[in-house]
N, C-alpha and C. Protein backbone atom coordinates (compact mmCIF):
# COMPACT_ATOMS: atom_id res chain seq x y z
N MET A 1 -28.97 23.28 -5.71
CA MET A 1 -28.89 22.06 -6.47
C MET A 1 -28.00 21.04 -5.79
N ALA A 2 -26.85 21.47 -5.31
CA ALA A 2 -25.94 20.54 -4.65
C ALA A 2 -26.55 20.02 -3.35
N GLY A 3 -27.30 20.86 -2.66
CA GLY A 3 -27.92 20.43 -1.42
C GLY A 3 -28.91 19.31 -1.64
N LYS A 4 -29.68 19.36 -2.73
CA LYS A 4 -30.64 18.31 -3.04
C LYS A 4 -29.94 17.01 -3.37
N ALA A 5 -28.81 17.08 -4.06
CA ALA A 5 -28.07 15.87 -4.40
C ALA A 5 -27.55 15.18 -3.15
N ILE A 6 -27.11 15.95 -2.18
CA ILE A 6 -26.61 15.36 -0.94
C ILE A 6 -27.76 14.78 -0.13
N GLU A 7 -28.91 15.44 -0.14
CA GLU A 7 -30.05 14.94 0.62
C GLU A 7 -30.53 13.60 0.07
N LYS A 8 -30.44 13.40 -1.24
CA LYS A 8 -30.89 12.15 -1.84
C LYS A 8 -29.98 10.99 -1.46
N ARG A 9 -28.70 11.26 -1.32
CA ARG A 9 -27.74 10.20 -1.00
C ARG A 9 -27.36 10.32 0.46
N SER A 10 -27.95 9.54 1.29
CA SER A 10 -27.60 9.59 2.71
C SER A 10 -26.30 8.82 2.92
N GLY A 11 -25.53 9.24 3.89
CA GLY A 11 -24.27 8.59 4.20
C GLY A 11 -23.10 9.13 3.41
N THR A 12 -23.32 10.19 2.63
CA THR A 12 -22.24 10.77 1.86
C THR A 12 -21.49 11.77 2.72
N GLU A 13 -20.16 11.66 2.74
CA GLU A 13 -19.36 12.56 3.56
C GLU A 13 -18.71 13.66 2.74
N VAL A 14 -18.86 13.64 1.42
CA VAL A 14 -18.20 14.61 0.56
C VAL A 14 -19.14 15.79 0.33
N ASP A 15 -18.63 16.98 0.58
CA ASP A 15 -19.40 18.20 0.36
C ASP A 15 -19.13 18.69 -1.07
N PRO A 16 -20.16 18.83 -1.91
CA PRO A 16 -19.95 19.26 -3.29
C PRO A 16 -19.31 20.63 -3.43
N ARG A 17 -19.38 21.45 -2.41
CA ARG A 17 -18.71 22.74 -2.47
C ARG A 17 -17.20 22.56 -2.41
N ASP A 18 -16.75 21.53 -1.70
CA ASP A 18 -15.32 21.25 -1.63
C ASP A 18 -14.83 20.48 -2.85
N GLU A 19 -15.65 19.56 -3.32
CA GLU A 19 -15.26 18.72 -4.45
C GLU A 19 -16.44 18.63 -5.42
N PRO A 20 -16.43 19.46 -6.46
CA PRO A 20 -17.57 19.56 -7.37
C PRO A 20 -17.94 18.27 -8.08
N SER A 21 -17.02 17.34 -8.27
CA SER A 21 -17.35 16.11 -8.98
C SER A 21 -18.31 15.24 -8.18
N ALA A 22 -18.43 15.46 -6.88
CA ALA A 22 -19.36 14.67 -6.07
C ALA A 22 -20.80 14.97 -6.47
N GLU A 23 -21.04 16.14 -7.03
CA GLU A 23 -22.39 16.50 -7.42
C GLU A 23 -22.90 15.61 -8.55
N TRP A 24 -22.06 15.24 -9.49
CA TRP A 24 -22.52 14.43 -10.60
C TRP A 24 -22.14 12.97 -10.47
N GLY A 25 -21.64 12.58 -9.29
CA GLY A 25 -21.56 11.17 -8.94
C GLY A 25 -20.26 10.46 -9.16
N TRP A 26 -19.22 11.11 -9.61
CA TRP A 26 -17.95 10.41 -9.78
C TRP A 26 -16.86 11.19 -9.08
N HIS A 27 -16.07 10.45 -8.32
CA HIS A 27 -14.95 11.07 -7.64
C HIS A 27 -13.88 10.00 -7.49
N GLY A 28 -12.80 10.17 -8.21
CA GLY A 28 -11.74 9.17 -8.13
C GLY A 28 -10.65 9.47 -9.11
N GLY A 29 -9.84 8.47 -9.36
CA GLY A 29 -8.72 8.62 -10.27
C GLY A 29 -8.51 7.35 -11.05
N PHE A 30 -7.43 7.31 -11.78
CA PHE A 30 -7.06 6.14 -12.56
C PHE A 30 -5.68 5.67 -12.10
N PRO A 31 -5.58 5.01 -10.94
CA PRO A 31 -4.26 4.69 -10.40
C PRO A 31 -3.45 3.74 -11.27
N LYS A 32 -4.07 2.73 -11.86
CA LYS A 32 -3.31 1.80 -12.69
C LYS A 32 -2.83 2.46 -13.97
N ALA A 33 -3.70 3.24 -14.59
CA ALA A 33 -3.32 3.93 -15.82
C ALA A 33 -2.25 4.98 -15.55
N THR A 34 -2.29 5.63 -14.42
CA THR A 34 -1.30 6.63 -14.07
C THR A 34 0.07 5.98 -13.88
N ARG A 35 0.10 4.84 -13.18
CA ARG A 35 1.37 4.14 -13.00
C ARG A 35 1.91 3.63 -14.33
N PHE A 36 1.04 3.11 -15.17
CA PHE A 36 1.47 2.63 -16.49
C PHE A 36 2.05 3.78 -17.31
N ALA A 37 1.38 4.92 -17.29
CA ALA A 37 1.86 6.08 -18.04
C ALA A 37 3.20 6.56 -17.48
N GLY A 38 3.38 6.48 -16.18
CA GLY A 38 4.66 6.87 -15.58
C GLY A 38 5.80 5.98 -16.04
N TRP A 39 5.58 4.66 -16.02
CA TRP A 39 6.64 3.75 -16.45
C TRP A 39 6.88 3.87 -17.96
N PHE A 40 5.83 4.13 -18.72
CA PHE A 40 6.00 4.35 -20.15
C PHE A 40 6.84 5.61 -20.40
N THR A 41 6.63 6.63 -19.59
CA THR A 41 7.42 7.86 -19.71
C THR A 41 8.89 7.60 -19.41
N VAL A 42 9.16 6.81 -18.37
CA VAL A 42 10.55 6.46 -18.05
C VAL A 42 11.18 5.73 -19.23
N PHE A 43 10.46 4.76 -19.78
CA PHE A 43 10.96 4.00 -20.93
C PHE A 43 11.20 4.92 -22.12
N ALA A 44 10.26 5.81 -22.41
CA ALA A 44 10.40 6.72 -23.55
C ALA A 44 11.59 7.65 -23.38
N LEU A 45 11.81 8.14 -22.16
CA LEU A 45 12.95 9.02 -21.92
C LEU A 45 14.27 8.28 -22.14
N LEU A 46 14.33 7.03 -21.72
CA LEU A 46 15.56 6.26 -21.90
C LEU A 46 15.78 5.86 -23.35
N VAL A 47 14.70 5.64 -24.10
CA VAL A 47 14.83 5.33 -25.52
C VAL A 47 15.36 6.53 -26.29
N MET A 48 15.05 7.74 -25.81
CA MET A 48 15.54 8.94 -26.47
C MET A 48 17.05 9.11 -26.37
N LEU A 49 17.71 8.29 -25.56
CA LEU A 49 19.16 8.34 -25.48
C LEU A 49 19.81 7.87 -26.79
N ILE A 50 19.08 7.04 -27.52
CA ILE A 50 19.59 6.54 -28.79
C ILE A 50 19.42 7.65 -29.82
N GLY A 51 20.50 8.07 -30.39
CA GLY A 51 20.41 9.13 -31.40
C GLY A 51 21.75 9.79 -31.62
N ASN A 52 21.74 10.79 -32.45
CA ASN A 52 22.99 11.48 -32.78
C ASN A 52 23.07 12.78 -31.98
N HIS A 53 23.57 12.67 -30.76
CA HIS A 53 23.72 13.83 -29.89
C HIS A 53 25.10 14.44 -30.11
N GLU A 54 25.16 15.75 -30.11
CA GLU A 54 26.43 16.46 -30.25
C GLU A 54 27.27 16.35 -28.98
N ASN A 55 26.60 16.48 -27.83
CA ASN A 55 27.31 16.35 -26.55
C ASN A 55 26.41 15.60 -25.57
N ASN A 56 26.83 15.49 -24.34
CA ASN A 56 26.09 14.67 -23.38
C ASN A 56 25.11 15.46 -22.54
N THR A 57 24.91 16.73 -22.83
CA THR A 57 23.97 17.53 -22.05
C THR A 57 22.56 16.95 -22.14
N GLU A 58 22.15 16.57 -23.34
CA GLU A 58 20.82 15.97 -23.52
C GLU A 58 20.70 14.66 -22.74
N ASN A 59 21.78 13.88 -22.78
CA ASN A 59 21.76 12.59 -22.09
C ASN A 59 21.62 12.76 -20.58
N VAL A 60 22.31 13.74 -20.04
CA VAL A 60 22.23 14.00 -18.60
C VAL A 60 20.80 14.37 -18.21
N TRP A 61 20.18 15.24 -18.99
CA TRP A 61 18.80 15.65 -18.70
C TRP A 61 17.83 14.47 -18.84
N LEU A 62 17.99 13.68 -19.90
CA LEU A 62 17.09 12.55 -20.11
C LEU A 62 17.20 11.53 -18.98
N VAL A 63 18.41 11.20 -18.61
CA VAL A 63 18.61 10.22 -17.52
C VAL A 63 18.12 10.80 -16.19
N GLY A 64 18.41 12.07 -15.96
CA GLY A 64 17.96 12.70 -14.71
C GLY A 64 16.45 12.74 -14.59
N LEU A 65 15.77 13.09 -15.67
CA LEU A 65 14.30 13.11 -15.64
C LEU A 65 13.73 11.70 -15.49
N ALA A 66 14.33 10.73 -16.18
CA ALA A 66 13.86 9.34 -16.07
C ALA A 66 14.05 8.83 -14.63
N LEU A 67 15.18 9.14 -14.02
CA LEU A 67 15.41 8.72 -12.64
C LEU A 67 14.44 9.41 -11.68
N SER A 68 14.14 10.68 -11.93
CA SER A 68 13.20 11.40 -11.07
C SER A 68 11.80 10.79 -11.13
N VAL A 69 11.34 10.49 -12.34
CA VAL A 69 10.01 9.90 -12.50
C VAL A 69 9.99 8.50 -11.89
N ALA A 70 11.05 7.71 -12.12
CA ALA A 70 11.12 6.36 -11.56
C ALA A 70 11.15 6.41 -10.03
N PHE A 71 11.88 7.36 -9.47
CA PHE A 71 11.93 7.51 -8.01
C PHE A 71 10.55 7.83 -7.46
N GLY A 72 9.83 8.73 -8.12
CA GLY A 72 8.46 9.05 -7.70
C GLY A 72 7.54 7.85 -7.79
N LEU A 73 7.69 7.05 -8.83
CA LEU A 73 6.85 5.85 -8.97
C LEU A 73 7.16 4.82 -7.90
N VAL A 74 8.43 4.65 -7.57
CA VAL A 74 8.80 3.70 -6.51
C VAL A 74 8.27 4.18 -5.16
N LEU A 75 8.37 5.48 -4.90
CA LEU A 75 7.80 6.01 -3.66
C LEU A 75 6.29 5.80 -3.60
N ASP A 76 5.62 5.97 -4.73
CA ASP A 76 4.18 5.75 -4.78
C ASP A 76 3.85 4.29 -4.52
N MET A 77 4.62 3.37 -5.10
CA MET A 77 4.38 1.94 -4.86
C MET A 77 4.58 1.61 -3.38
N ARG A 78 5.62 2.18 -2.79
CA ARG A 78 5.88 1.92 -1.37
C ARG A 78 4.75 2.49 -0.49
N ARG A 79 4.30 3.69 -0.84
CA ARG A 79 3.22 4.32 -0.06
C ARG A 79 1.94 3.52 -0.16
N ARG A 80 1.61 3.05 -1.35
CA ARG A 80 0.39 2.26 -1.53
C ARG A 80 0.46 0.93 -0.80
N ARG A 81 1.67 0.34 -0.77
CA ARG A 81 1.82 -0.97 -0.13
C ARG A 81 1.68 -0.87 1.38
N THR A 82 2.16 0.21 1.98
CA THR A 82 2.14 0.34 3.43
C THR A 82 1.02 1.22 3.95
N SER A 83 0.10 1.65 3.09
CA SER A 83 -0.96 2.57 3.54
C SER A 83 -1.93 1.88 4.48
N TRP A 84 -2.13 0.58 4.36
CA TRP A 84 -3.09 -0.12 5.21
C TRP A 84 -2.57 -0.29 6.63
N ARG A 85 -1.27 -0.11 6.86
CA ARG A 85 -0.69 -0.29 8.20
C ARG A 85 -0.89 0.93 9.08
N ARG A 86 -1.20 2.06 8.48
CA ARG A 86 -1.32 3.30 9.26
C ARG A 86 -2.65 3.45 9.91
């Protein structure tokens, strides 16, 4: 079945055995939605700082996780911006 799908579409470089979604015609991601969800997660983690905490252990974890996600998002933005130069 996968062989017939590839034969119909000439010029396709994706092998359906390696990537099964190529068989039914869609292969990709949601880059804008993923970045939005990442920044929303950073915001949500920082909003959780507001509350009645007994000690600062929760705050350290929340800030650390928010910084980790933000660092990953900044690295992703940098990688996407300079990918055309390579």
